[in-house]
Each structure stands twice: as structure tokens, then as C-alpha cells.
Full PDB file with SEQRES, HELIX, SHEET, SSBOND, CRYST1, ORIGX, SCALE, CONECT and MASTER records, all heavy atoms in Angstrom:
SEQRES   1 A   35  TYR LEU ALA SER GLN PRO GLU LEU THR PRO ALA VAL PHE          
SEQRES   2 A   35  ARG THR ALA MET PHE TYR GLY GLY VAL MET GLY SER PHE          
SEQRES   3 A   35  ALA VAL GLU ARG PHE GLY THR ASP ARG                          
HELIX    1 AA1 LEU A    2  SER A    4  5                                   3    
HELIX    2 AA2 PRO A   10  ALA A   27  1                                  18    
CRYST1    1.000    1.000    1.000  90.00  90.00  90.00 P 1           1          
ORIGX1      1.000000  0.000000  0.000000        0.00000                         
ORIGX2      0.000000  1.000000  0.000000        0.00000                         
ORIGX3      0.000000  0.000000  1.000000        0.00000                         
SCALE1      1.000000  0.000000  0.000000        0.00000                         
SCALE2      0.000000  1.000000  0.000000        0.00000                         
SCALE3      0.000000  0.000000  1.000000        0.00000                         
ATOM      1  N   TYR A   1      -9.425   5.086  13.422  1.00  0.00           N  
ATOM      2  CA  TYR A   1     -10.055   4.156  14.400  1.00  0.00           C  
ATOM      3  C   TYR A   1     -11.318   3.543  13.823  1.00  0.00           C  
ATOM      4  O   TYR A   1     -11.559   2.380  13.979  1.00  0.00           O  
ATOM      5  CB  TYR A   1     -10.288   4.863  15.730  1.00  0.00           C  
ATOM      6  CG  TYR A   1     -10.952   3.973  16.747  1.00  0.00           C  
ATOM      7  CD1 TYR A   1     -10.122   3.047  17.445  1.00  0.00           C  
ATOM      8  CD2 TYR A   1     -12.316   3.948  16.964  1.00  0.00           C  
ATOM      9  CE1 TYR A   1     -10.744   2.140  18.360  1.00  0.00           C  
ATOM     10  CE2 TYR A   1     -12.929   3.045  17.917  1.00  0.00           C  
ATOM     11  CZ  TYR A   1     -12.103   2.163  18.563  1.00  0.00           C  
ATOM     12  OH  TYR A   1     -12.676   1.338  19.418  1.00  0.00           O  
ATOM     13  N   LEU A   2     -12.181   4.377  13.215  1.00  0.00           N  
ATOM     14  CA  LEU A   2     -13.438   3.891  12.601  1.00  0.00           C  
ATOM     15  C   LEU A   2     -13.091   2.712  11.655  1.00  0.00           C  
ATOM     16  O   LEU A   2     -13.780   1.680  11.629  1.00  0.00           O  
ATOM     17  CB  LEU A   2     -14.208   4.979  11.940  1.00  0.00           C  
ATOM     18  CG  LEU A   2     -14.957   5.988  12.752  1.00  0.00           C  
ATOM     19  CD1 LEU A   2     -15.758   6.880  11.809  1.00  0.00           C  
ATOM     20  CD2 LEU A   2     -15.900   5.308  13.717  1.00  0.00           C  
ATOM     21  N   ALA A   3     -12.096   2.939  10.784  1.00  0.00           N  
ATOM     22  CA  ALA A   3     -11.801   1.911   9.823  1.00  0.00           C  
ATOM     23  C   ALA A   3     -11.162   0.645  10.353  1.00  0.00           C  
ATOM     24  O   ALA A   3     -11.174  -0.451   9.757  1.00  0.00           O  
ATOM     25  CB  ALA A   3     -10.772   2.512   8.759  1.00  0.00           C  
ATOM     26  N   SER A   4     -10.733   0.738  11.560  1.00  0.00           N  
ATOM     27  CA  SER A   4     -10.117  -0.465  12.307  1.00  0.00           C  
ATOM     28  C   SER A   4     -11.151  -1.330  12.925  1.00  0.00           C  
ATOM     29  O   SER A   4     -10.820  -2.479  13.372  1.00  0.00           O  
ATOM     30  CB  SER A   4      -9.067   0.016  13.318  1.00  0.00           C  
ATOM     31  OG  SER A   4      -9.750   0.522  14.465  1.00  0.00           O  
ATOM     32  N   GLN A   5     -12.384  -0.833  13.011  1.00  0.00           N  
ATOM     33  CA  GLN A   5     -13.424  -1.597  13.704  1.00  0.00           C  
ATOM     34  C   GLN A   5     -14.313  -2.413  12.737  1.00  0.00           C  
ATOM     35  O   GLN A   5     -14.578  -1.952  11.616  1.00  0.00           O  
ATOM     36  CB  GLN A   5     -14.263  -0.621  14.541  1.00  0.00           C  
ATOM     37  CG  GLN A   5     -13.463   0.148  15.551  1.00  0.00           C  
ATOM     38  CD  GLN A   5     -12.730  -0.774  16.541  1.00  0.00           C  
ATOM     39  OE1 GLN A   5     -13.363  -1.519  17.328  1.00  0.00           O  
ATOM     40  NE2 GLN A   5     -11.397  -0.675  16.513  1.00  0.00           N  
ATOM     41  N   PRO A   6     -14.873  -3.549  13.165  1.00  0.00           N  
ATOM     42  CA  PRO A   6     -15.650  -4.329  12.298  1.00  0.00           C  
ATOM     43  C   PRO A   6     -17.004  -3.777  11.889  1.00  0.00           C  
ATOM     44  O   PRO A   6     -17.542  -4.101  10.823  1.00  0.00           O  
ATOM     45  CB  PRO A   6     -15.796  -5.693  13.052  1.00  0.00           C  
ATOM     46  CG  PRO A   6     -15.597  -5.318  14.533  1.00  0.00           C  
ATOM     47  CD  PRO A   6     -14.596  -4.228  14.459  1.00  0.00           C  
ATOM     48  N   GLU A   7     -17.564  -2.912  12.733  1.00  0.00           N  
ATOM     49  CA  GLU A   7     -18.811  -2.261  12.428  1.00  0.00           C  
ATOM     50  C   GLU A   7     -18.887  -0.920  13.061  1.00  0.00           C  
ATOM     51  O   GLU A   7     -18.257  -0.655  14.041  1.00  0.00           O  
ATOM     52  CB  GLU A   7     -19.966  -3.197  12.864  1.00  0.00           C  
ATOM     53  CG  GLU A   7     -20.065  -3.432  14.374  1.00  0.00           C  
ATOM     54  CD  GLU A   7     -21.297  -4.292  14.791  1.00  0.00           C  
ATOM     55  OE1 GLU A   7     -22.291  -4.202  14.143  1.00  0.00           O  
ATOM     56  OE2 GLU A   7     -21.150  -5.035  15.775  1.00  0.00           O  
ATOM     57  N   LEU A   8     -19.799  -0.100  12.508  1.00  0.00           N  
ATOM     58  CA  LEU A   8     -20.005   1.245  13.045  1.00  0.00           C  
ATOM     59  C   LEU A   8     -21.185   1.182  14.016  1.00  0.00           C  
ATOM     60  O   LEU A   8     -22.304   0.858  13.651  1.00  0.00           O  
ATOM     61  CB  LEU A   8     -20.308   2.200  11.909  1.00  0.00           C  
ATOM     62  CG  LEU A   8     -20.556   3.626  12.316  1.00  0.00           C  
ATOM     63  CD1 LEU A   8     -19.348   4.287  12.912  1.00  0.00           C  
ATOM     64  CD2 LEU A   8     -20.989   4.470  11.055  1.00  0.00           C  
ATOM     65  N   THR A   9     -20.884   1.591  15.285  1.00  0.00           N  
ATOM     66  CA  THR A   9     -21.919   1.724  16.266  1.00  0.00           C  
ATOM     67  C   THR A   9     -21.736   3.038  16.973  1.00  0.00           C  
ATOM     68  O   THR A   9     -20.678   3.653  16.869  1.00  0.00           O  
ATOM     69  CB  THR A   9     -21.733   0.607  17.369  1.00  0.00           C  
ATOM     70  OG1 THR A   9     -20.549   0.783  18.063  1.00  0.00           O  
ATOM     71  CG2 THR A   9     -21.813  -0.800  16.718  1.00  0.00           C  
ATOM     72  N   PRO A  10     -22.700   3.506  17.735  1.00  0.00           N  
ATOM     73  CA  PRO A  10     -22.549   4.758  18.465  1.00  0.00           C  
ATOM     74  C   PRO A  10     -21.362   4.732  19.406  1.00  0.00           C  
ATOM     75  O   PRO A  10     -20.622   5.757  19.530  1.00  0.00           O  
ATOM     76  CB  PRO A  10     -23.837   4.904  19.281  1.00  0.00           C  
ATOM     77  CG  PRO A  10     -24.890   4.143  18.399  1.00  0.00           C  
ATOM     78  CD  PRO A  10     -24.155   2.983  17.792  1.00  0.00           C  
ATOM     79  N   ALA A  11     -21.110   3.591  20.055  1.00  0.00           N  
ATOM     80  CA  ALA A  11     -20.001   3.518  21.001  1.00  0.00           C  
ATOM     81  C   ALA A  11     -18.682   3.631  20.209  1.00  0.00           C  
ATOM     82  O   ALA A  11     -17.684   4.293  20.704  1.00  0.00           O  
ATOM     83  CB  ALA A  11     -20.020   2.189  21.828  1.00  0.00           C  
ATOM     84  N   VAL A  12     -18.595   2.995  19.035  1.00  0.00           N  
ATOM     85  CA  VAL A  12     -17.370   3.020  18.226  1.00  0.00           C  
ATOM     86  C   VAL A  12     -17.122   4.538  17.765  1.00  0.00           C  
ATOM     87  O   VAL A  12     -15.992   5.012  17.783  1.00  0.00           O  
ATOM     88  CB  VAL A  12     -17.483   2.120  17.012  1.00  0.00           C  
ATOM     89  CG1 VAL A  12     -16.435   2.474  16.011  1.00  0.00           C  
ATOM     90  CG2 VAL A  12     -17.349   0.712  17.481  1.00  0.00           C  
ATOM     91  N   PHE A  13     -18.180   5.158  17.383  1.00  0.00           N  
ATOM     92  CA  PHE A  13     -18.079   6.500  16.842  1.00  0.00           C  
ATOM     93  C   PHE A  13     -17.611   7.448  17.954  1.00  0.00           C  
ATOM     94  O   PHE A  13     -16.723   8.283  17.726  1.00  0.00           O  
ATOM     95  CB  PHE A  13     -19.455   7.008  16.353  1.00  0.00           C  
ATOM     96  CG  PHE A  13     -19.368   8.203  15.407  1.00  0.00           C  
ATOM     97  CD1 PHE A  13     -19.462   8.011  14.055  1.00  0.00           C  
ATOM     98  CD2 PHE A  13     -19.262   9.456  15.951  1.00  0.00           C  
ATOM     99  CE1 PHE A  13     -19.377   9.156  13.198  1.00  0.00           C  
ATOM    100  CE2 PHE A  13     -19.142  10.538  15.120  1.00  0.00           C  
ATOM    101  CZ  PHE A  13     -19.233  10.431  13.735  1.00  0.00           C  
ATOM    102  N   ARG A  14     -18.133   7.290  19.172  1.00  0.00           N  
ATOM    103  CA  ARG A  14     -17.714   8.163  20.290  1.00  0.00           C  
ATOM    104  C   ARG A  14     -16.242   7.912  20.611  1.00  0.00           C  
ATOM    105  O   ARG A  14     -15.521   8.846  20.883  1.00  0.00           O  
ATOM    106  CB  ARG A  14     -18.616   7.897  21.467  1.00  0.00           C  
ATOM    107  CG  ARG A  14     -20.053   8.410  21.353  1.00  0.00           C  
ATOM    108  CD  ARG A  14     -20.809   8.447  22.645  1.00  0.00           C  
ATOM    109  NE  ARG A  14     -20.995   7.061  23.138  1.00  0.00           N  
ATOM    110  CZ  ARG A  14     -22.095   6.319  22.915  1.00  0.00           C  
ATOM    111  NH1 ARG A  14     -23.118   6.851  22.229  1.00  0.00           N  
ATOM    112  NH2 ARG A  14     -22.285   5.145  23.402  1.00  0.00           N  
ATOM    113  N   THR A  15     -15.850   6.620  20.613  1.00  0.00           N  
ATOM    114  CA  THR A  15     -14.470   6.327  20.892  1.00  0.00           C  
ATOM    115  C   THR A  15     -13.575   6.911  19.833  1.00  0.00           C  
ATOM    116  O   THR A  15     -12.464   7.441  20.190  1.00  0.00           O  
ATOM    117  CB  THR A  15     -14.299   4.818  20.930  1.00  0.00           C  
ATOM    118  OG1 THR A  15     -15.113   4.224  21.967  1.00  0.00           O  
ATOM    119  CG2 THR A  15     -12.807   4.427  21.231  1.00  0.00           C  
ATOM    120  N   ALA A  16     -13.981   6.868  18.547  1.00  0.00           N  
ATOM    121  CA  ALA A  16     -13.143   7.431  17.448  1.00  0.00           C  
ATOM    122  C   ALA A  16     -12.988   8.927  17.626  1.00  0.00           C  
ATOM    123  O   ALA A  16     -11.859   9.411  17.348  1.00  0.00           O  
ATOM    124  CB  ALA A  16     -13.910   7.160  16.164  1.00  0.00           C  
ATOM    125  N   MET A  17     -13.911   9.635  18.181  1.00  0.00           N  
ATOM    126  CA  MET A  17     -13.741  11.065  18.421  1.00  0.00           C  
ATOM    127  C   MET A  17     -12.693  11.301  19.464  1.00  0.00           C  
ATOM    128  O   MET A  17     -11.892  12.277  19.382  1.00  0.00           O  
ATOM    129  CB  MET A  17     -15.060  11.736  18.802  1.00  0.00           C  
ATOM    130  CG  MET A  17     -16.069  11.816  17.608  1.00  0.00           C  
ATOM    131  SD  MET A  17     -17.562  12.621  18.045  1.00  0.00           S  
ATOM    132  CE  MET A  17     -16.978  14.307  18.352  1.00  0.00           C  
ATOM    133  N   PHE A  18     -12.643  10.457  20.506  1.00  0.00           N  
ATOM    134  CA  PHE A  18     -11.561  10.630  21.499  1.00  0.00           C  
ATOM    135  C   PHE A  18     -10.187  10.341  20.889  1.00  0.00           C  
ATOM    136  O   PHE A  18      -9.244  11.069  21.184  1.00  0.00           O  
ATOM    137  CB  PHE A  18     -11.851   9.586  22.668  1.00  0.00           C  
ATOM    138  CG  PHE A  18     -12.797  10.221  23.700  1.00  0.00           C  
ATOM    139  CD1 PHE A  18     -14.111  10.179  23.442  1.00  0.00           C  
ATOM    140  CD2 PHE A  18     -12.320  10.741  24.872  1.00  0.00           C  
ATOM    141  CE1 PHE A  18     -15.028  10.714  24.413  1.00  0.00           C  
ATOM    142  CE2 PHE A  18     -13.151  11.244  25.825  1.00  0.00           C  
ATOM    143  CZ  PHE A  18     -14.529  11.236  25.638  1.00  0.00           C  
ATOM    144  N   TYR A  19     -10.091   9.296  20.035  1.00  0.00           N  
ATOM    145  CA  TYR A  19      -8.774   9.031  19.413  1.00  0.00           C  
ATOM    146  C   TYR A  19      -8.400  10.197  18.497  1.00  0.00           C  
ATOM    147  O   TYR A  19      -7.225  10.468  18.308  1.00  0.00           O  
ATOM    148  CB  TYR A  19      -8.805   7.708  18.699  1.00  0.00           C  
ATOM    149  CG  TYR A  19      -8.513   6.558  19.543  1.00  0.00           C  
ATOM    150  CD1 TYR A  19      -9.476   5.585  19.801  1.00  0.00           C  
ATOM    151  CD2 TYR A  19      -7.228   6.404  20.178  1.00  0.00           C  
ATOM    152  CE1 TYR A  19      -9.176   4.533  20.662  1.00  0.00           C  
ATOM    153  CE2 TYR A  19      -7.007   5.359  20.996  1.00  0.00           C  
ATOM    154  CZ  TYR A  19      -7.981   4.383  21.204  1.00  0.00           C  
ATOM    155  OH  TYR A  19      -7.662   3.314  22.057  1.00  0.00           O  
ATOM    156  N   GLY A  20      -9.404  10.805  17.847  1.00  0.00           N  
ATOM    157  CA  GLY A  20      -9.106  11.985  17.064  1.00  0.00           C  
ATOM    158  C   GLY A  20      -8.498  13.072  17.879  1.00  0.00           C  
ATOM    159  O   GLY A  20      -7.498  13.702  17.514  1.00  0.00           O  
ATOM    160  N   GLY A  21      -9.074  13.335  19.072  1.00  0.00           N  
ATOM    161  CA  GLY A  21      -8.490  14.304  20.015  1.00  0.00           C  
ATOM    162  C   GLY A  21      -7.103  14.000  20.377  1.00  0.00           C  
ATOM    163  O   GLY A  21      -6.235  14.850  20.600  1.00  0.00           O  
ATOM    164  N   VAL A  22      -6.841  12.668  20.631  1.00  0.00           N  
ATOM    165  CA  VAL A  22      -5.549  12.217  21.045  1.00  0.00           C  
ATOM    166  C   VAL A  22      -4.504  12.595  19.962  1.00  0.00           C  
ATOM    167  O   VAL A  22      -3.455  13.190  20.248  1.00  0.00           O  
ATOM    168  CB  VAL A  22      -5.545  10.711  21.264  1.00  0.00           C  
ATOM    169  CG1 VAL A  22      -4.061  10.175  21.342  1.00  0.00           C  
ATOM    170  CG2 VAL A  22      -6.249  10.353  22.506  1.00  0.00           C  
ATOM    171  N   MET A  23      -4.778  12.254  18.696  1.00  0.00           N  
ATOM    172  CA  MET A  23      -3.833  12.516  17.687  1.00  0.00           C  
ATOM    173  C   MET A  23      -3.624  14.004  17.360  1.00  0.00           C  
ATOM    174  O   MET A  23      -2.519  14.443  17.089  1.00  0.00           O  
ATOM    175  CB  MET A  23      -4.216  11.759  16.393  1.00  0.00           C  
ATOM    176  CG  MET A  23      -4.327  10.238  16.575  1.00  0.00           C  
ATOM    177  SD  MET A  23      -2.935   9.435  17.467  1.00  0.00           S  
ATOM    178  CE  MET A  23      -1.559   9.708  16.275  1.00  0.00           C  
ATOM    179  N   GLY A  24      -4.750  14.754  17.501  1.00  0.00           N  
ATOM    180  CA  GLY A  24      -4.597  16.202  17.305  1.00  0.00           C  
ATOM    181  C   GLY A  24      -3.718  16.816  18.376  1.00  0.00           C  
ATOM    182  O   GLY A  24      -2.946  17.753  18.202  1.00  0.00           O  
ATOM    183  N   SER A  25      -3.849  16.263  19.646  1.00  0.00           N  
ATOM    184  CA  SER A  25      -3.042  16.784  20.772  1.00  0.00           C  
ATOM    185  C   SER A  25      -1.562  16.516  20.586  1.00  0.00           C  
ATOM    186  O   SER A  25      -0.725  17.338  20.986  1.00  0.00           O  
ATOM    187  CB  SER A  25      -3.532  16.268  22.106  1.00  0.00           C  
ATOM    188  OG  SER A  25      -3.211  14.886  22.247  1.00  0.00           O  
ATOM    189  N   PHE A  26      -1.247  15.379  20.021  1.00  0.00           N  
ATOM    190  CA  PHE A  26       0.173  15.124  19.702  1.00  0.00           C  
ATOM    191  C   PHE A  26       0.709  16.012  18.614  1.00  0.00           C  
ATOM    192  O   PHE A  26       1.868  16.538  18.672  1.00  0.00           O  
ATOM    193  CB  PHE A  26       0.360  13.597  19.343  1.00  0.00           C  
ATOM    194  CG  PHE A  26       0.346  12.705  20.496  1.00  0.00           C  
ATOM    195  CD1 PHE A  26      -0.566  11.645  20.514  1.00  0.00           C  
ATOM    196  CD2 PHE A  26       1.263  12.770  21.511  1.00  0.00           C  
ATOM    197  CE1 PHE A  26      -0.591  10.728  21.537  1.00  0.00           C  
ATOM    198  CE2 PHE A  26       1.224  11.881  22.604  1.00  0.00           C  
ATOM    199  CZ  PHE A  26       0.317  10.825  22.587  1.00  0.00           C  
ATOM    200  N   ALA A  27      -0.063  16.236  17.590  1.00  0.00           N  
ATOM    201  CA  ALA A  27       0.411  16.958  16.398  1.00  0.00           C  
ATOM    202  C   ALA A  27       0.876  18.395  16.776  1.00  0.00           C  
ATOM    203  O   ALA A  27       1.881  18.894  16.158  1.00  0.00           O  
ATOM    204  CB  ALA A  27      -0.727  17.084  15.361  1.00  0.00           C  
ATOM    205  N   VAL A  28       0.293  19.033  17.753  1.00  0.00           N  
ATOM    206  CA  VAL A  28       0.594  20.444  18.053  1.00  0.00           C  
ATOM    207  C   VAL A  28       1.846  20.597  18.968  1.00  0.00           C  
ATOM    208  O   VAL A  28       2.276  21.738  19.189  1.00  0.00           O  
ATOM    209  CB  VAL A  28      -0.611  21.189  18.662  1.00  0.00           C  
ATOM    210  CG1 VAL A  28      -1.832  21.086  17.835  1.00  0.00           C  
ATOM    211  CG2 VAL A  28      -0.905  20.607  20.119  1.00  0.00           C  
ATOM    212  N   GLU A  29       2.325  19.494  19.442  1.00  0.00           N  
ATOM    213  CA  GLU A  29       3.477  19.569  20.331  1.00  0.00           C  
ATOM    214  C   GLU A  29       4.833  19.836  19.742  1.00  0.00           C  
ATOM    215  O   GLU A  29       5.776  20.195  20.421  1.00  0.00           O  
ATOM    216  CB  GLU A  29       3.559  18.247  21.165  1.00  0.00           C  
ATOM    217  CG  GLU A  29       2.436  18.062  22.112  1.00  0.00           C  
ATOM    218  CD  GLU A  29       2.529  16.804  22.921  1.00  0.00           C  
ATOM    219  OE1 GLU A  29       3.245  15.889  22.525  1.00  0.00           O  
ATOM    220  OE2 GLU A  29       1.915  16.676  24.000  1.00  0.00           O  
ATOM    221  N   ARG A  30       4.964  19.692  18.432  1.00  0.00           N  
ATOM    222  CA  ARG A  30       6.153  19.962  17.658  1.00  0.00           C  
ATOM    223  C   ARG A  30       5.799  20.646  16.326  1.00  0.00           C  
ATOM    224  O   ARG A  30       4.635  20.672  15.897  1.00  0.00           O  
ATOM    225  CB  ARG A  30       6.929  18.656  17.343  1.00  0.00           C  
ATOM    226  CG  ARG A  30       7.339  17.846  18.593  1.00  0.00           C  
ATOM    227  CD  ARG A  30       8.469  18.518  19.368  1.00  0.00           C  
ATOM    228  NE  ARG A  30       8.982  17.675  20.467  1.00  0.00           N  
ATOM    229  CZ  ARG A  30       8.411  17.611  21.650  1.00  0.00           C  
ATOM    230  NH1 ARG A  30       7.369  18.380  21.930  1.00  0.00           N  
ATOM    231  NH2 ARG A  30       8.897  16.807  22.588  1.00  0.00           N  
ATOM    232  N   PHE A  31       6.795  21.152  15.695  1.00  0.00           N  
ATOM    233  CA  PHE A  31       6.599  21.771  14.383  1.00  0.00           C  
ATOM    234  C   PHE A  31       6.321  20.616  13.306  1.00  0.00           C  
ATOM    235  O   PHE A  31       6.883  19.548  13.406  1.00  0.00           O  
ATOM    236  CB  PHE A  31       7.765  22.607  13.926  1.00  0.00           C  
ATOM    237  CG  PHE A  31       7.825  23.991  14.491  1.00  0.00           C  
ATOM    238  CD1 PHE A  31       8.658  24.312  15.574  1.00  0.00           C  
ATOM    239  CD2 PHE A  31       6.928  24.987  14.006  1.00  0.00           C  
ATOM    240  CE1 PHE A  31       8.687  25.600  16.087  1.00  0.00           C  
ATOM    241  CE2 PHE A  31       7.001  26.291  14.529  1.00  0.00           C  
ATOM    242  CZ  PHE A  31       7.796  26.558  15.573  1.00  0.00           C  
ATOM    243  N   GLY A  32       5.487  20.975  12.335  1.00  0.00           N  
ATOM    244  CA  GLY A  32       5.237  20.023  11.269  1.00  0.00           C  
ATOM    245  C   GLY A  32       4.741  18.676  11.739  1.00  0.00           C  
ATOM    246  O   GLY A  32       3.790  18.607  12.539  1.00  0.00           O  
ATOM    247  N   THR A  33       5.322  17.622  11.192  1.00  0.00           N  
ATOM    248  CA  THR A  33       4.873  16.248  11.517  1.00  0.00           C  
ATOM    249  C   THR A  33       5.816  15.593  12.481  1.00  0.00           C  
ATOM    250  O   THR A  33       5.681  14.367  12.755  1.00  0.00           O  
ATOM    251  CB  THR A  33       4.801  15.389  10.235  1.00  0.00           C  
ATOM    252  OG1 THR A  33       6.109  15.317   9.663  1.00  0.00           O  
ATOM    253  CG2 THR A  33       3.886  16.045   9.205  1.00  0.00           C  
ATOM    254  N   ASP A  34       6.746  16.299  13.146  1.00  0.00           N  
ATOM    255  CA  ASP A  34       7.740  15.679  13.938  1.00  0.00           C  
ATOM    256  C   ASP A  34       7.194  14.799  15.033  1.00  0.00           C  
ATOM    257  O   ASP A  34       7.664  13.657  15.333  1.00  0.00           O  
ATOM    258  CB  ASP A  34       8.649  16.741  14.583  1.00  0.00           C  
ATOM    259  CG  ASP A  34       9.665  17.309  13.560  1.00  0.00           C  
ATOM    260  OD1 ASP A  34       9.650  16.829  12.420  1.00  0.00           O  
ATOM    261  OD2 ASP A  34      10.410  18.205  13.942  1.00  0.00           O  
ATOM    262  N   ARG A  35       6.191  15.323  15.730  1.00  0.00           N  
ATOM    263  CA  ARG A  35       5.575  14.493  16.868  1.00  0.00           C  
ATOM    264  C   ARG A  35       4.814  13.314  16.370  1.00  0.00           C  
ATOM    265  O   ARG A  35       4.876  12.228  17.032  1.00  0.00           O  
ATOM    266  CB  ARG A  35       4.724  15.433  17.718  1.00  0.00           C  
ATOM    267  CG  ARG A  35       4.282  14.752  19.046  1.00  0.00           C  
ATOM    268  CD  ARG A  35       5.435  14.480  19.950  1.00  0.00           C  
ATOM    269  NE  ARG A  35       4.978  14.004  21.234  1.00  0.00           N  
ATOM    270  CZ  ARG A  35       5.084  12.696  21.607  1.00  0.00           C  
ATOM    271  NH1 ARG A  35       5.571  11.833  20.791  1.00  0.00           N  
ATOM    272  NH2 ARG A  35       4.585  12.321  22.835  1.00  0.00           N  
TER     273      ARG A  35                                                      
MASTER        0    0    0    2    0    0    0    6  272    1    0    3          
END                                                                             
């Protein structure tokens, strides 16, 4: 998400942490990389 944004701001950084949590939550739902 950070790399997809034109500039780094505190708001962008905070949003990126939420998207990190989103992708981590999907990863644990199946074995390996399936999800």
C-alpha cells in the first residue's frame, strides 16, 4: 500500500498498517499461500 501512494504521510502510513492487518488475516485462514 505504501508503494502504491504518491507520497508518504502519517495518514498513508496509518492506512498501510490496516491493510497489513487485512492481508495477514487472510493468510492465516488456509494452509500455505492458498488464501
